[in-house]
Amino acid sequence: MKYEWLIASRYLKSRRKQAFISIISVISVGGVTLGIAAVIIVISTLDGFRHGLREKFLANEAHIIVRSVQNYFRDYQEKIGQIEGIEGVVAASPLIISQLAIQPQGSESIEDTIYVKGIDLQQENRVTGFSDYVRHFDAFNQSRFIDEARIRLAGKETITGGIVLGYHVARKIGVVPGDVLRLISKMVPNPANPGSFMPLMRNFVVVGLYQSGLYIHDNAFGFIDLDTAQNLYQKPDQINLIEVRLVHADMATTVSDQIKQEIRFDPGLSARPITTTWMESRSDFFQAFELEKIVTMIVVALIILVAVFNIASTLIMMVMEKTQDIGILRAMGASKQGIRNIFVLQGGIIGILGAILGTMLGVYICWRLEFQVGRFPRWYGLLILLVPVVLQLFRRILPLPISSTGFLLIWCIAVGLALYFIAQPIYLDDIFGTDLSVVYQLNRLPVKISWTFVVFMNLLSMATCWLAALYPASKASYLNPVEALRHE
């Protein structure tokens, strides 16, 4: 196949008579390059978002939540011991949670409602690493903020304990550590007026701010000591949830089934616990990402499809242009298969070049988006691209001692440097001028390259380009040699 490779490569090179076809060949390679690069960048970004959110959820949340049909249950220490005895379980923590209204001291109205969790601090640290996300925090009920608040109030109001407030909740209602916050729970009988009811209100001091980086947590939760919460909710020695941390999060389904088999809350049909894994509780997030990934792949794949049609049209025009050459080759003894190979190889060369260049471009941009190597204005990249343009203009006026190969090298260096400055880590705040971490749970555009997907897309694009070359190659091989020689 030596002559076939030689002829195929020469047909793709620029010649004065076939310059237009050669330009279309370059456009076809560029189309495949951009298509592959776009797919790699977009899918890597979506995978980065998915991976980043998954890691945040797993770092801040329990892998399994266990609850009873009766909502509240006793003997939870025994159940926790049984759960921690299951293989794969790192720790289990008791939790009592309820939705309460909050009212800062000095405010005349309720500011918001939040979920207040009663936690065992030691166990919660083992399950969710709670203390790692709390600022200004000493302890729930032995904090300097509580002592200062009691001195400041001088016995005017009773302080029940300390509360760690979600960072965005605190910002929204305007409180800081040391401020007094009133928690308002369910209605209870009013001892001063029999037959009437009054809200149960307790004063807590903000002893810390919880900032996990997940807006859905930081804008919805407050945390108090477990014993204090049980008294506040009037559920002594009772909880309504058990949080479970596993060695590996992917074991959640298996361990969840085992918990259902081994743990019993009480005799009867409702003895089995209800379990929810992290995959079930966050399924909406990940399903949305998978759907978006599929739709994006379809849209971006159209770019490659356009390039494939360009390849087919380029080869068809080349067959028409090279009809006489084909007739000469056939007259010299070239077989139909040999003629077919010439044009199939051209499609293959375009596909391979496009795949290699697209992969290099896509991976390079992904690398630049992921790693911070100094922050520069992106317009530096556009400025660098002006250098070869200006040199080309001067070349028309003044005889510069630079060859065509030299100009090609200058262009390659300029494009590489331009991409270096343009493709930098993208911070969402910079684009939209606001703190979008409250929406996307991440403050910058994450990237995670799947090399399996990169290889698959390369093989797919090369195979598609090869298929696009089959029809024009087949038409060329069936040309009549005599009629081809007469063609003008």
Protein backbone atom coordinates (compact mmCIF):
# COMPACT_ATOMS: atom_id res chain seq x y z
CA MET A 1 0.00 0.00 0.00
CA LYS A 2 3.02 2.29 -0.35
CA TYR A 3 1.77 4.07 -3.47
CA GLU A 4 -1.70 4.42 -2.00
CA TRP A 5 -0.34 6.21 1.10
CA LEU A 6 1.85 8.40 -1.08
CA ILE A 7 -0.96 9.44 -3.42
CA ALA A 8 -3.48 9.93 -0.58
CA SER A 9 -1.12 12.23 1.34
CA ARG A 10 -0.20 14.21 -1.81
CA TYR A 11 -3.87 14.74 -2.67
CA LEU A 12 -4.43 16.31 0.76
CA LYS A 13 -1.53 18.75 0.33
CA SER A 14 -2.06 22.17 -1.19
CA ARG A 15 -1.57 22.58 -4.92
CA ARG A 16 -2.36 25.66 -6.94
CA LYS A 17 -5.10 24.02 -9.01
CA GLN A 18 -6.66 22.19 -6.07
CA ALA A 19 -6.16 24.84 -3.38
CA PHE A 20 -9.89 25.10 -2.75
CA ILE A 21 -10.22 21.35 -2.08
CA SER A 22 -7.17 21.47 0.19
CA ILE A 23 -8.73 24.32 2.18
CA ILE A 24 -11.90 22.24 2.63
CA SER A 25 -9.71 19.36 3.85
CA VAL A 26 -8.18 21.68 6.47
CA ILE A 27 -11.69 22.82 7.46
CA SER A 28 -12.73 19.17 7.81
CA VAL A 29 -9.76 18.44 10.08
CA GLY A 30 -10.61 21.60 12.04
CA GLY A 31 -14.22 20.52 12.38
CA VAL A 32 -13.26 17.13 13.79
CA THR A 33 -10.69 18.82 16.07
CA LEU A 34 -13.21 21.30 17.47
CA GLY A 35 -15.86 18.59 17.83
CA ILE A 36 -13.59 16.26 19.80
CA ALA A 37 -12.24 19.13 21.93
CA ALA A 38 -15.75 20.44 22.66
CA VAL A 39 -17.03 17.00 23.68
CA ILE A 40 -14.04 16.41 25.99
CA ILE A 41 -14.33 19.85 27.62
CA VAL A 42 -18.11 19.76 28.10
CA ILE A 43 -18.32 16.18 29.38
CA SER A 44 -15.28 16.67 31.63
CA THR A 45 -16.93 19.77 33.11
CA LEU A 46 -20.21 17.95 33.72
CA ASP A 47 -18.35 15.00 35.26
CA GLY A 48 -16.39 17.48 37.37
CA PHE A 49 -19.60 19.04 38.66
CA ARG A 50 -21.05 15.62 39.42
CA HIS A 51 -17.87 14.42 41.16
CA GLY A 52 -17.47 17.67 43.10
CA LEU A 53 -21.05 17.59 44.37
CA ARG A 54 -20.80 13.90 45.18
CA GLU A 55 -17.68 14.47 47.29
CA LYS A 56 -19.31 17.42 49.09
CA PHE A 57 -22.47 15.45 49.83
CA LEU A 58 -20.49 12.46 51.11
CA ALA A 59 -18.27 14.65 53.27
CA ASN A 60 -21.19 16.51 54.91
CA GLU A 61 -23.93 13.91 55.06
CA ALA A 62 -24.47 10.46 56.48
CA HIS A 63 -24.29 7.58 54.02
CA ILE A 64 -27.43 5.97 55.47
CA ILE A 65 -30.33 7.41 57.49
CA VAL A 66 -32.27 4.99 59.71
CA ARG A 67 -35.73 5.82 61.05
CA SER A 68 -38.74 4.08 62.61
CA VAL A 69 -42.31 3.94 61.36
CA GLN A 70 -43.37 5.41 64.73
CA ASN A 71 -41.16 8.48 64.10
CA TYR A 72 -39.68 8.69 67.63
CA PHE A 73 -38.12 5.68 69.34
CA ARG A 74 -36.25 4.77 72.55
CA ASP A 75 -33.33 2.43 73.29
CA TYR A 76 -31.38 4.11 70.52
CA GLN A 77 -27.99 3.40 72.14
CA GLU A 78 -28.67 -0.32 71.78
CA LYS A 79 -29.64 0.13 68.12
CA ILE A 80 -26.51 2.20 67.47
CA GLY A 81 -24.36 -0.54 68.98
CA GLN A 82 -26.02 -3.13 66.73
CA ILE A 83 -25.54 -0.97 63.63
CA GLU A 84 -21.87 -0.28 64.43
CA GLY A 85 -21.36 -4.05 64.70
CA ILE A 86 -22.27 -4.51 61.02
CA GLU A 87 -19.30 -4.96 58.71
CA GLY A 88 -18.48 -1.82 56.76
CA VAL A 89 -19.97 0.62 59.30
CA VAL A 90 -17.56 3.21 60.72
CA ALA A 91 -19.91 4.99 63.14
CA ALA A 92 -23.56 5.72 63.87
CA SER A 93 -24.92 8.86 65.53
CA PRO A 94 -28.30 9.62 67.19
CA LEU A 95 -30.28 12.57 65.90
CA ILE A 96 -33.50 14.30 66.82
CA ILE A 97 -34.77 16.92 64.38
CA SER A 98 -37.76 19.22 64.12
CA GLN A 99 -38.70 22.41 62.30
CA LEU A 100 -38.77 25.51 64.49
CA ALA A 101 -39.36 29.21 64.03
CA ILE A 102 -36.52 31.58 64.96
CA GLN A 103 -36.66 35.12 66.30
CA PRO A 104 -33.52 37.18 67.04
CA GLN A 105 -33.45 39.14 70.29
CA GLY A 106 -34.97 42.56 69.78
CA SER A 107 -37.03 41.50 66.78
CA GLU A 108 -40.82 41.82 67.00
CA SER A 109 -41.58 39.06 64.49
CA ILE A 110 -40.49 35.60 63.42
CA GLU A 111 -37.65 35.90 60.92
CA ASP A 112 -37.51 32.38 59.48
CA THR A 113 -38.08 28.68 60.08
CA ILE A 114 -35.23 26.19 60.13
CA TYR A 115 -34.63 22.55 60.96
CA VAL A 116 -32.95 22.27 64.35
CA LYS A 117 -30.92 19.10 64.87
CA GLY A 118 -30.14 17.73 68.30
CA ILE A 119 -26.79 15.91 68.01
CA ASP A 120 -24.32 13.97 70.08
CA LEU A 121 -21.22 16.04 69.26
CA GLN A 122 -18.70 13.21 69.65
CA GLN A 123 -20.65 10.74 67.51
CA GLU A 124 -21.63 13.41 64.95
CA ASN A 125 -17.96 14.24 64.42
CA ARG A 126 -17.33 10.59 63.57
CA VAL A 127 -20.20 10.49 61.09
CA THR A 128 -20.18 13.88 59.34
CA GLY A 129 -17.07 15.67 60.69
CA PHE A 130 -19.36 18.36 62.11
CA SER A 131 -16.73 20.35 64.02
CA ASP A 132 -14.58 20.73 60.89
CA TYR A 133 -17.23 23.02 59.39
CA VAL A 134 -17.98 25.19 62.43
CA ARG A 135 -16.35 28.55 63.11
CA HIS A 136 -16.06 30.25 66.53
CA PHE A 137 -17.17 27.02 68.24
CA ASP A 138 -16.07 25.74 71.66
CA ALA A 139 -18.98 23.65 72.95
CA PHE A 140 -22.77 23.78 72.96
CA ASN A 141 -23.37 24.52 76.62
CA GLN A 142 -19.95 25.60 77.97
CA SER A 143 -19.16 28.44 75.62
CA ARG A 144 -17.78 31.86 76.46
CA PHE A 145 -20.57 33.30 74.31
CA ILE A 146 -23.16 31.86 76.73
CA ASP A 147 -21.35 33.28 79.75
CA GLU A 148 -21.13 36.71 78.13
CA ALA A 149 -24.83 36.60 77.17
CA ARG A 150 -25.89 35.71 80.73
CA ILE A 151 -23.85 38.59 82.12
CA ARG A 152 -25.32 40.92 79.49
CA LEU A 153 -28.92 39.88 80.21
CA ALA A 154 -28.31 39.98 83.99
CA GLY A 155 -31.07 37.48 84.76
CA LYS A 156 -33.73 39.21 82.65
CA GLU A 157 -34.12 36.13 80.46
CA THR A 158 -33.14 32.50 80.84
CA ILE A 159 -30.57 30.99 78.46
CA THR A 160 -31.32 27.35 77.61
CA GLY A 161 -28.07 26.58 75.81
CA GLY A 162 -26.00 27.22 72.72
CA ILE A 163 -26.92 26.80 69.06
CA VAL A 164 -24.69 26.49 66.00
CA LEU A 165 -26.45 28.26 63.16
CA GLY A 166 -26.08 27.69 59.44
CA TYR A 167 -23.87 30.39 57.91
CA HIS A 168 -26.45 31.61 55.40
CA VAL A 169 -29.23 31.51 57.99
CA ALA A 170 -27.15 33.78 60.23
CA ARG A 171 -26.45 36.18 57.36
CA LYS A 172 -30.11 36.26 56.38
CA ILE A 173 -31.44 37.18 59.82
CA GLY A 174 -28.42 39.30 60.79
CA VAL A 175 -26.98 37.48 63.80
CA VAL A 176 -23.37 36.71 64.79
CA PRO A 177 -21.84 34.48 67.48
CA GLY A 178 -22.81 35.82 70.89
CA ASP A 179 -26.30 37.01 69.83
CA VAL A 180 -29.38 35.59 71.53
CA LEU A 181 -31.85 33.69 69.36
CA ARG A 182 -35.33 32.60 70.39
CA LEU A 183 -36.54 29.17 69.20
CA ILE A 184 -40.31 28.79 68.97
CA SER A 185 -41.64 25.24 68.80
CA LYS A 186 -45.08 23.66 69.13
CA MET A 187 -48.08 25.05 71.03
CA VAL A 188 -48.41 23.96 74.67
CA PRO A 189 -51.19 24.55 77.29
CA ASN A 190 -51.03 28.01 78.83
CA PRO A 191 -50.85 27.61 82.64
CA ALA A 192 -51.97 31.21 83.16
CA ASN A 193 -55.14 30.71 81.11
CA PRO A 194 -56.53 27.17 81.27
CA GLY A 195 -58.02 26.00 78.00
CA SER A 196 -55.75 28.16 75.88
CA PHE A 197 -52.40 27.43 74.28
CA MET A 198 -49.15 29.30 73.92
CA PRO A 199 -46.01 28.68 71.85
CA LEU A 200 -43.09 27.01 73.60
CA MET A 201 -40.19 29.49 73.44
CA ARG A 202 -36.60 29.05 74.56
CA ASN A 203 -33.60 31.38 74.32
CA PHE A 204 -30.36 30.12 72.81
CA VAL A 205 -27.04 31.85 72.27
CA VAL A 206 -25.36 31.55 68.86
CA VAL A 207 -22.08 29.81 69.71
CA GLY A 208 -20.84 29.07 66.17
CA LEU A 209 -21.54 29.26 62.45
CA TYR A 210 -21.83 26.10 60.38
CA GLN A 211 -20.34 26.53 56.88
CA SER A 212 -20.19 23.26 54.97
CA GLY A 213 -20.11 24.80 51.51
CA LEU A 214 -23.48 23.24 50.68
CA TYR A 215 -26.13 25.94 50.52
CA ILE A 216 -28.94 23.46 51.13
CA HIS A 217 -27.37 22.81 54.55
CA ASP A 218 -26.04 26.23 55.46
CA ASN A 219 -29.40 27.88 54.71
CA ALA A 220 -31.66 25.39 56.48
CA PHE A 221 -30.13 23.97 59.67
CA GLY A 222 -29.27 24.81 63.24
CA PHE A 223 -27.60 22.44 65.72
CA ILE A 224 -28.03 22.06 69.47
CA ASP A 225 -26.98 19.47 72.05
CA LEU A 226 -28.95 16.19 71.94
CA ASP A 227 -30.10 16.29 75.59
CA THR A 228 -31.17 19.93 75.23
CA ALA A 229 -33.12 19.08 72.07
CA GLN A 230 -34.89 16.16 73.74
CA ASN A 231 -36.04 18.48 76.53
CA LEU A 232 -37.03 21.20 74.07
CA TYR A 233 -39.12 18.79 72.00
CA GLN A 234 -40.43 17.11 75.16
CA LYS A 235 -39.13 13.73 73.98
CA PRO A 236 -36.86 12.56 76.83
CA ASP A 237 -34.51 9.69 75.90
CA GLN A 238 -35.98 9.56 72.37
CA ILE A 239 -34.68 10.30 68.88
CA ASN A 240 -36.16 10.03 65.41
CA LEU A 241 -33.09 9.34 63.23
CA ILE A 242 -29.80 7.44 63.28
CA GLU A 243 -27.05 8.60 60.89
CA VAL A 244 -24.59 6.00 59.62
CA ARG A 245 -21.10 6.48 58.12
CA LEU A 246 -19.57 3.66 56.06
CA VAL A 247 -16.03 2.70 55.11
CA HIS A 248 -16.98 3.09 51.45
CA ALA A 249 -20.04 5.08 50.35
CA ASP A 250 -20.69 2.60 47.52
CA MET A 251 -21.54 -0.04 50.14
CA ALA A 252 -24.67 1.92 51.14
CA THR A 253 -27.23 -0.31 49.42
CA THR A 254 -25.74 -3.55 50.79
CA VAL A 255 -25.40 -2.24 54.37
CA SER A 256 -28.88 -0.69 54.19
CA ASP A 257 -30.40 -4.08 53.35
CA GLN A 258 -28.45 -5.67 56.19
CA ILE A 259 -29.69 -3.08 58.68
CA LYS A 260 -33.28 -3.84 57.64
CA GLN A 261 -32.67 -7.54 58.26
CA GLU A 262 -30.85 -7.30 61.60
CA ILE A 263 -32.36 -4.31 63.42
CA ARG A 264 -35.79 -4.37 65.10
CA PHE A 265 -37.47 -1.40 66.80
CA ASP A 266 -40.42 -3.20 68.39
CA PRO A 267 -42.48 -6.36 67.90
CA GLY A 268 -45.08 -6.36 65.15
CA LEU A 269 -45.35 -5.51 61.47
CA SER A 270 -43.67 -2.13 61.92
CA ALA A 271 -40.56 -3.58 63.57
CA ARG A 272 -38.32 -3.18 60.53
CA PRO A 273 -36.54 0.16 60.22
CA ILE A 274 -36.88 2.51 57.25
CA THR A 275 -33.51 3.24 55.65
CA THR A 276 -32.52 5.87 53.09
CA THR A 277 -29.13 5.76 51.37
CA TRP A 278 -27.28 8.85 50.14
CA MET A 279 -27.94 7.69 46.56
CA GLU A 280 -31.69 7.73 47.18
CA SER A 281 -31.74 11.07 49.01
CA ARG A 282 -29.71 12.83 46.26
CA SER A 283 -30.99 10.89 43.26
CA ASP A 284 -32.65 14.00 41.74
CA PHE A 285 -29.30 15.80 41.56
CA PHE A 286 -27.47 12.99 39.82
CA GLN A 287 -30.31 12.08 37.48
CA ALA A 288 -30.46 15.70 36.34
CA PHE A 289 -26.72 15.65 35.64
CA GLU A 290 -26.98 12.42 33.64
CA LEU A 291 -29.84 13.82 31.55
CA GLU A 292 -27.93 17.05 30.93
CA LYS A 293 -24.86 15.02 29.95
CA ILE A 294 -26.80 13.02 27.35
CA VAL A 295 -28.45 16.10 25.83
CA THR A 296 -25.12 17.95 25.72
CA MET A 297 -23.41 15.01 24.01
CA ILE A 298 -26.09 14.94 21.34
CA VAL A 299 -25.77 18.67 20.67
CA VAL A 300 -21.97 18.67 20.59
CA ALA A 301 -21.90 15.51 18.44
CA LEU A 302 -23.60 17.53 15.70
CA ILE A 303 -20.33 19.44 15.31
CA ILE A 304 -18.54 16.20 14.48
CA LEU A 305 -21.38 15.24 12.14
CA VAL A 306 -20.94 18.49 10.21
CA ALA A 307 -17.23 17.73 9.89
CA VAL A 308 -18.06 14.25 8.61
CA PHE A 309 -20.28 15.70 5.88
CA ASN A 310 -17.42 18.06 5.01
CA ILE A 311 -15.13 15.05 4.62
CA ALA A 312 -17.61 13.30 2.32
CA SER A 313 -18.12 16.41 0.18
CA THR A 314 -14.36 17.06 0.04
CA LEU A 315 -13.65 13.55 -1.20
CA ILE A 316 -16.49 13.68 -3.73
CA MET A 317 -15.07 16.90 -5.19
CA MET A 318 -11.61 15.36 -5.14
CA VAL A 319 -12.84 12.32 -7.07
CA MET A 320 -14.34 14.66 -9.69
CA GLU A 321 -11.10 16.67 -9.85
CA LYS A 322 -8.86 13.60 -10.03
CA THR A 323 -10.91 11.63 -12.57
CA GLN A 324 -8.11 11.73 -15.18
CA ASP A 325 -5.54 10.71 -12.56
CA ILE A 326 -7.74 7.77 -11.62
CA GLY A 327 -7.96 6.77 -15.30
CA ILE A 328 -4.15 6.90 -15.63
CA LEU A 329 -3.69 4.82 -12.49
CA ARG A 330 -6.18 2.23 -13.72
CA ALA A 331 -4.45 2.14 -17.12
CA MET A 332 -1.11 1.56 -15.35
CA GLY A 333 -2.59 -1.48 -13.59
CA ALA A 334 -3.99 -0.10 -10.32
CA SER A 335 -6.85 -2.26 -9.03
CA LYS A 336 -10.28 -1.06 -7.96
CA GLN A 337 -9.30 -1.89 -4.38
CA GLY A 338 -6.17 0.23 -4.70
CA ILE A 339 -8.16 3.25 -5.97
CA ARG A 340 -10.67 2.73 -3.15
CA ASN A 341 -7.87 2.59 -0.58
CA ILE A 342 -6.47 5.95 -1.75
CA PHE A 343 -9.67 7.83 -0.86
CA VAL A 344 -10.47 5.76 2.23
CA LEU A 345 -6.99 6.59 3.51
CA GLN A 346 -7.68 10.30 2.97
CA GLY A 347 -10.78 10.07 5.17
CA GLY A 348 -8.77 8.11 7.73
CA ILE A 349 -5.95 10.67 7.76
CA ILE A 350 -8.44 13.50 8.30
CA GLY A 351 -10.11 11.56 11.11
CA ILE A 352 -6.83 10.62 12.84
CA LEU A 353 -5.41 14.14 12.58
CA GLY A 354 -8.67 15.65 13.86
CA ALA A 355 -8.86 13.15 16.75
CA ILE A 356 -5.24 13.71 17.83
CA LEU A 357 -5.41 17.50 17.59
CA GLY A 358 -8.87 17.59 19.23
CA THR A 359 -7.71 15.42 22.13
CA MET A 360 -4.61 17.55 22.65
CA LEU A 361 -6.65 20.75 22.56
CA GLY A 362 -9.45 19.41 24.81
CA VAL A 363 -7.11 17.90 27.42
CA TYR A 364 -4.93 21.03 27.45
CA ILE A 365 -7.92 23.32 28.04
CA CYS A 366 -9.24 20.96 30.74
CA TRP A 367 -5.83 21.03 32.43
CA ARG A 368 -5.80 24.83 32.36
CA LEU A 369 -9.35 25.00 33.71
CA GLU A 370 -8.47 22.68 36.57
CA PHE A 371 -5.08 23.97 37.75
CA GLN A 372 -4.33 27.53 38.80
CA VAL A 373 -0.91 28.73 37.62
CA GLY A 374 -1.31 32.43 38.35
CA ARG A 375 -4.30 34.53 37.32
CA PHE A 376 -3.85 36.72 34.27
CA PRO A 377 -6.29 38.87 32.30
CA ARG A 378 -7.75 36.73 29.50
CA TRP A 379 -7.30 39.51 26.96
CA TYR A 380 -3.55 38.79 27.09
CA GLY A 381 -4.32 35.77 24.92
CA LEU A 382 -6.04 37.87 22.25
CA LEU A 383 -3.12 40.31 22.32
CA ILE A 384 -0.66 37.48 21.66
CA LEU A 385 -2.67 36.35 18.62
CA LEU A 386 -2.11 39.76 17.08
CA VAL A 387 1.65 39.12 16.83
CA PRO A 388 1.55 36.64 13.89
CA VAL A 389 -1.22 38.69 12.23
CA VAL A 390 0.95 41.83 12.32
CA LEU A 391 3.96 39.87 11.06
CA GLN A 392 1.92 38.56 8.15
CA LEU A 393 0.86 42.10 7.25
CA PHE A 394 4.45 43.38 7.47
CA ARG A 395 5.57 40.47 5.30
CA ARG A 396 3.48 41.86 2.45
CA ILE A 397 5.18 45.24 2.79
CA LEU A 398 8.72 44.42 3.90
CA PRO A 399 10.78 41.31 3.02
CA LEU A 400 11.02 39.61 6.42
CA PRO A 401 13.63 36.81 6.72
CA ILE A 402 11.01 34.27 7.86
CA SER A 403 10.06 31.20 5.83
CA SER A 404 6.58 29.67 5.57
CA THR A 405 7.63 26.99 8.06
CA GLY A 406 8.81 29.74 10.40
CA PHE A 407 5.45 31.48 10.19
CA LEU A 408 3.67 28.19 10.90
CA LEU A 409 5.84 27.74 14.00
CA ILE A 410 5.07 31.31 15.12
CA TRP A 411 1.34 30.68 14.70
CA CYS A 412 1.54 27.44 16.74
CA ILE A 413 3.41 29.18 19.57
CA ALA A 414 0.98 32.13 19.52
CA VAL A 415 -2.09 29.88 19.64
CA GLY A 416 -0.56 27.83 22.49
CA LEU A 417 0.23 30.94 24.55
CA ALA A 418 -3.20 32.43 23.79
CA LEU A 419 -4.90 29.28 25.06
CA TYR A 420 -2.70 29.39 28.16
CA PHE A 421 -4.03 32.83 29.08
CA ILE A 422 -7.62 32.36 27.87
CA ALA A 423 -8.23 28.87 29.33
CA GLN A 424 -7.81 29.56 33.06
CA PRO A 425 -9.79 28.20 36.01
CA ILE A 426 -13.27 29.71 35.73
CA TYR A 427 -14.64 31.15 38.95
CA LEU A 428 -18.42 31.46 38.84
CA ASP A 429 -18.30 34.70 40.83
CA ASP A 430 -16.12 36.29 38.13
CA ILE A 431 -18.57 35.44 35.36
CA PHE A 432 -21.83 36.46 36.98
CA GLY A 433 -20.61 38.95 39.60
CA THR A 434 -22.41 37.17 42.43
CA ASP A 435 -21.84 34.30 44.84
CA LEU A 436 -23.17 31.41 42.75
CA SER A 437 -21.85 28.85 45.22
CA VAL A 438 -25.26 29.27 46.87
CA VAL A 439 -26.81 27.79 43.72
CA TYR A 440 -24.22 25.35 42.38
CA GLN A 441 -22.63 24.43 45.75
CA LEU A 442 -19.19 25.03 44.14
CA ASN A 443 -17.32 28.28 43.67
CA ARG A 444 -15.41 27.37 40.50
CA LEU A 445 -15.87 25.33 37.36
CA PRO A 446 -14.60 21.82 38.19
CA VAL A 447 -13.10 19.44 35.62
CA LYS A 448 -12.68 15.66 35.71
CA ILE A 449 -11.39 13.93 32.57
CA SER A 450 -12.62 10.40 31.87
CA TRP A 451 -9.86 8.81 29.79
CA THR A 452 -12.12 5.93 28.87
CA PHE A 453 -14.55 8.40 27.35
CA VAL A 454 -11.71 10.24 25.56
CA VAL A 455 -10.51 6.99 23.96
CA PHE A 456 -14.08 6.06 23.01
CA MET A 457 -14.71 9.44 21.35
CA ASN A 458 -11.43 9.18 19.43
CA LEU A 459 -12.28 5.73 18.11
CA LEU A 460 -15.83 6.83 17.29
CA SER A 461 -14.72 9.93 15.38
CA MET A 462 -12.07 8.01 13.40
CA ALA A 463 -14.57 5.28 12.53
CA THR A 464 -17.14 7.89 11.46
CA CYS A 465 -14.61 9.66 9.24
CA TRP A 466 -13.67 6.32 7.70
CA LEU A 467 -17.31 5.55 6.98
CA ALA A 468 -17.76 9.01 5.44
CA ALA A 469 -14.99 8.17 2.95
CA LEU A 470 -16.52 4.87 1.81
CA TYR A 471 -19.07 6.29 -0.66
CA PRO A 472 -16.71 8.63 -2.61
CA ALA A 473 -14.00 5.93 -2.51
CA SER A 474 -16.43 3.39 -3.93
CA LYS A 475 -17.50 5.82 -6.71
CA ALA A 476 -13.86 6.41 -7.62
CA SER A 477 -13.06 2.70 -7.83
CA TYR A 478 -15.90 2.04 -10.28
CA LEU A 479 -14.95 4.76 -12.76
CA ASN A 480 -14.43 3.45 -16.28
CA PRO A 481 -10.71 3.95 -17.13
CA VAL A 482 -11.38 4.94 -20.76
CA GLU A 483 -14.07 7.49 -19.83
CA ALA A 484 -11.89 8.76 -17.01
CA LEU A 485 -9.02 9.46 -19.41
CA ARG A 486 -11.36 11.42 -21.69
CA HIS A 487 -12.62 13.54 -18.76
CA GLU A 488 -11.72 17.22 -18.85
